[in-house]
Amino acid sequence: MHEAIKRPSDVSELKGMIASRTITLPEQQEQVARMALAKPDVIAFGTVGSIAAECSVSPSTVVRAATGLGFADFRDFRGFFRLHLRKATSLKAG
């Protein structure tokens, strides 16, 4: 059995974990991860169903991708990207 993935603290850490292959996901879950990094707003403001449709995967794949990336559940995953966008917006405004 493999060790649980540690939840990333920010998007750059998540990108690094994926790039270094610290995290390896099945192909469909990887589609969700790529979408999350390319279009964080889709994750931040989406539902499991809307993200699944956008990625052409099942809703359960979205949930499995979230936990596979180290998040407790989908809500944690979505909240992570909401926080990321809030920080990015405040940096641009400041």
C-alpha atoms as a PDB file:
ATOM      1  CA  MET A   1       0.000   0.000   0.000  1.00  0.00           C
ATOM      2  CA  HIS A   2       1.353   3.427  -0.849  1.00  0.00           C
ATOM      3  CA  GLU A   3       1.683   6.395   1.436  1.00  0.00           C
ATOM      4  CA  ALA A   4      -1.018   9.071   1.471  1.00  0.00           C
ATOM      5  CA  ILE A   5      -0.210  12.213  -0.497  1.00  0.00           C
ATOM      6  CA  LYS A   6       0.309  15.350   1.597  1.00  0.00           C
ATOM      7  CA  ARG A   7      -2.091  18.167   0.758  1.00  0.00           C
ATOM      8  CA  PRO A   8      -0.247  20.908  -1.149  1.00  0.00           C
ATOM      9  CA  SER A   9      -0.063  24.295   0.537  1.00  0.00           C
ATOM     10  CA  ASP A  10      -0.453  26.288  -2.690  1.00  0.00           C
ATOM     11  CA  VAL A  11      -0.826  25.902  -6.444  1.00  0.00           C
ATOM     12  CA  SER A  12       2.900  26.150  -7.147  1.00  0.00           C
ATOM     13  CA  GLU A  13       3.517  23.257  -4.742  1.00  0.00           C
ATOM     14  CA  LEU A  14       0.769  21.261  -6.463  1.00  0.00           C
ATOM     15  CA  LYS A  15       2.353  21.952  -9.874  1.00  0.00           C
ATOM     16  CA  GLY A  16       5.714  20.825  -8.506  1.00  0.00           C
ATOM     17  CA  MET A  17       4.255  17.626  -7.071  1.00  0.00           C
ATOM     18  CA  ILE A  18       2.715  16.769 -10.429  1.00  0.00           C
ATOM     19  CA  ALA A  19       5.798  17.769 -12.449  1.00  0.00           C
ATOM     20  CA  SER A  20       8.152  15.751 -10.247  1.00  0.00           C
ATOM     21  CA  ARG A  21       5.807  12.764 -10.371  1.00  0.00           C
ATOM     22  CA  THR A  22       5.401  12.827  -6.587  1.00  0.00           C
ATOM     23  CA  ILE A  23       1.768  12.399  -7.569  1.00  0.00           C
ATOM     24  CA  THR A  24       0.823   9.977 -10.316  1.00  0.00           C
ATOM     25  CA  LEU A  25      -2.794   9.688 -11.344  1.00  0.00           C
ATOM     26  CA  PRO A  26      -4.713   7.497 -13.766  1.00  0.00           C
ATOM     27  CA  GLU A  27      -5.255   9.200 -17.139  1.00  0.00           C
ATOM     28  CA  GLN A  28      -8.781  10.500 -16.506  1.00  0.00           C
ATOM     29  CA  GLN A  29      -7.873  11.866 -13.074  1.00  0.00           C
ATOM     30  CA  GLU A  30      -4.849  13.515 -14.653  1.00  0.00           C
ATOM     31  CA  GLN A  31      -7.241  15.305 -17.057  1.00  0.00           C
ATOM     32  CA  VAL A  32      -8.934  16.832 -14.014  1.00  0.00           C
ATOM     33  CA  ALA A  33      -5.557  17.854 -12.533  1.00  0.00           C
ATOM     34  CA  ARG A  34      -4.502  19.485 -15.820  1.00  0.00           C
ATOM     35  CA  MET A  35      -7.806  21.379 -15.961  1.00  0.00           C
ATOM     36  CA  ALA A  36      -7.326  22.537 -12.371  1.00  0.00           C
ATOM     37  CA  LEU A  37      -3.919  23.991 -13.159  1.00  0.00           C
ATOM     38  CA  ALA A  38      -4.884  25.461 -16.535  1.00  0.00           C
ATOM     39  CA  LYS A  39      -8.264  26.882 -15.500  1.00  0.00           C
ATOM     40  CA  PRO A  40      -8.451  27.143 -11.697  1.00  0.00           C
ATOM     41  CA  ASP A  41     -11.688  29.146 -11.980  1.00  0.00           C
ATOM     42  CA  VAL A  42     -13.449  26.085 -13.449  1.00  0.00           C
ATOM     43  CA  ILE A  43     -12.623  24.193 -10.243  1.00  0.00           C
ATOM     44  CA  ALA A  44     -13.182  27.122  -7.868  1.00  0.00           C
ATOM     45  CA  PHE A  45     -16.669  27.895  -9.120  1.00  0.00           C
ATOM     46  CA  GLY A  46     -17.737  24.536 -10.499  1.00  0.00           C
ATOM     47  CA  THR A  47     -19.646  21.596  -9.179  1.00  0.00           C
ATOM     48  CA  VAL A  48     -18.543  17.989  -9.362  1.00  0.00           C
ATOM     49  CA  GLY A  49     -20.924  17.572 -12.307  1.00  0.00           C
ATOM     50  CA  SER A  50     -19.854  20.678 -14.227  1.00  0.00           C
ATOM     51  CA  ILE A  51     -16.157  19.865 -13.815  1.00  0.00           C
ATOM     52  CA  ALA A  52     -16.784  16.274 -14.903  1.00  0.00           C
ATOM     53  CA  ALA A  53     -18.565  17.528 -18.033  1.00  0.00           C
ATOM     54  CA  GLU A  54     -15.774  20.022 -18.793  1.00  0.00           C
ATOM     55  CA  CYS A  55     -13.150  17.259 -18.481  1.00  0.00           C
ATOM     56  CA  SER A  56     -15.256  14.554 -20.194  1.00  0.00           C
ATOM     57  CA  VAL A  57     -14.977  12.260 -17.164  1.00  0.00           C
ATOM     58  CA  SER A  58     -17.417  10.894 -14.589  1.00  0.00           C
ATOM     59  CA  PRO A  59     -18.262  12.829 -11.416  1.00  0.00           C
ATOM     60  CA  SER A  60     -16.642  10.086  -9.321  1.00  0.00           C
ATOM     61  CA  THR A  61     -13.405  10.630 -11.270  1.00  0.00           C
ATOM     62  CA  VAL A  62     -13.420  14.288 -10.209  1.00  0.00           C
ATOM     63  CA  VAL A  63     -13.798  13.269  -6.554  1.00  0.00           C
ATOM     64  CA  ARG A  64     -11.066  10.616  -6.875  1.00  0.00           C
ATOM     65  CA  ALA A  65      -8.759  13.151  -8.534  1.00  0.00           C
ATOM     66  CA  ALA A  66      -9.274  15.557  -5.632  1.00  0.00           C
ATOM     67  CA  THR A  67      -8.388  12.934  -3.038  1.00  0.00           C
ATOM     68  CA  GLY A  68      -5.560  11.622  -5.231  1.00  0.00           C
ATOM     69  CA  LEU A  69      -4.046  15.104  -5.194  1.00  0.00           C
ATOM     70  CA  GLY A  70      -3.998  15.114  -1.390  1.00  0.00           C
ATOM     71  CA  PHE A  71      -7.275  16.874  -0.596  1.00  0.00           C
ATOM     72  CA  ALA A  72      -9.710  15.599   2.029  1.00  0.00           C
ATOM     73  CA  ASP A  73     -12.649  15.738  -0.394  1.00  0.00           C
ATOM     74  CA  PHE A  74     -14.063  17.738  -3.298  1.00  0.00           C
ATOM     75  CA  ARG A  75     -15.032  20.685  -1.071  1.00  0.00           C
ATOM     76  CA  ASP A  76     -11.442  20.939   0.178  1.00  0.00           C
ATOM     77  CA  PHE A  77     -10.197  20.809  -3.450  1.00  0.00           C
ATOM     78  CA  ARG A  78     -12.625  23.526  -4.588  1.00  0.00           C
ATOM     79  CA  GLY A  79     -11.832  25.674  -1.534  1.00  0.00           C
ATOM     80  CA  PHE A  80      -8.102  25.412  -2.284  1.00  0.00           C
ATOM     81  CA  PHE A  81      -8.673  26.891  -5.757  1.00  0.00           C
ATOM     82  CA  ARG A  82     -11.053  29.548  -4.437  1.00  0.00           C
ATOM     83  CA  LEU A  83      -8.363  30.670  -1.992  1.00  0.00           C
ATOM     84  CA  HIS A  84      -5.778  30.621  -4.791  1.00  0.00           C
ATOM     85  CA  LEU A  85      -7.948  32.901  -6.951  1.00  0.00           C
ATOM     86  CA  ARG A  86      -8.648  35.233  -4.004  1.00  0.00           C
ATOM     87  CA  LYS A  87      -4.917  35.569  -3.350  1.00  0.00           C
ATOM     88  CA  ALA A  88      -4.168  36.117  -7.055  1.00  0.00           C
ATOM     89  CA  THR A  89      -6.899  38.773  -7.294  1.00  0.00           C
ATOM     90  CA  SER A  90      -5.717  40.621  -4.190  1.00  0.00           C
ATOM     91  CA  LEU A  91      -2.128  40.643  -5.512  1.00  0.00           C
ATOM     92  CA  LYS A  92      -3.312  42.200  -8.788  1.00  0.00           C
ATOM     93  CA  ALA A  93      -5.440  44.765  -6.942  1.00  0.00           C
ATOM     94  CA  GLY A  94      -2.706  45.629  -4.454  1.00  0.00           C
END
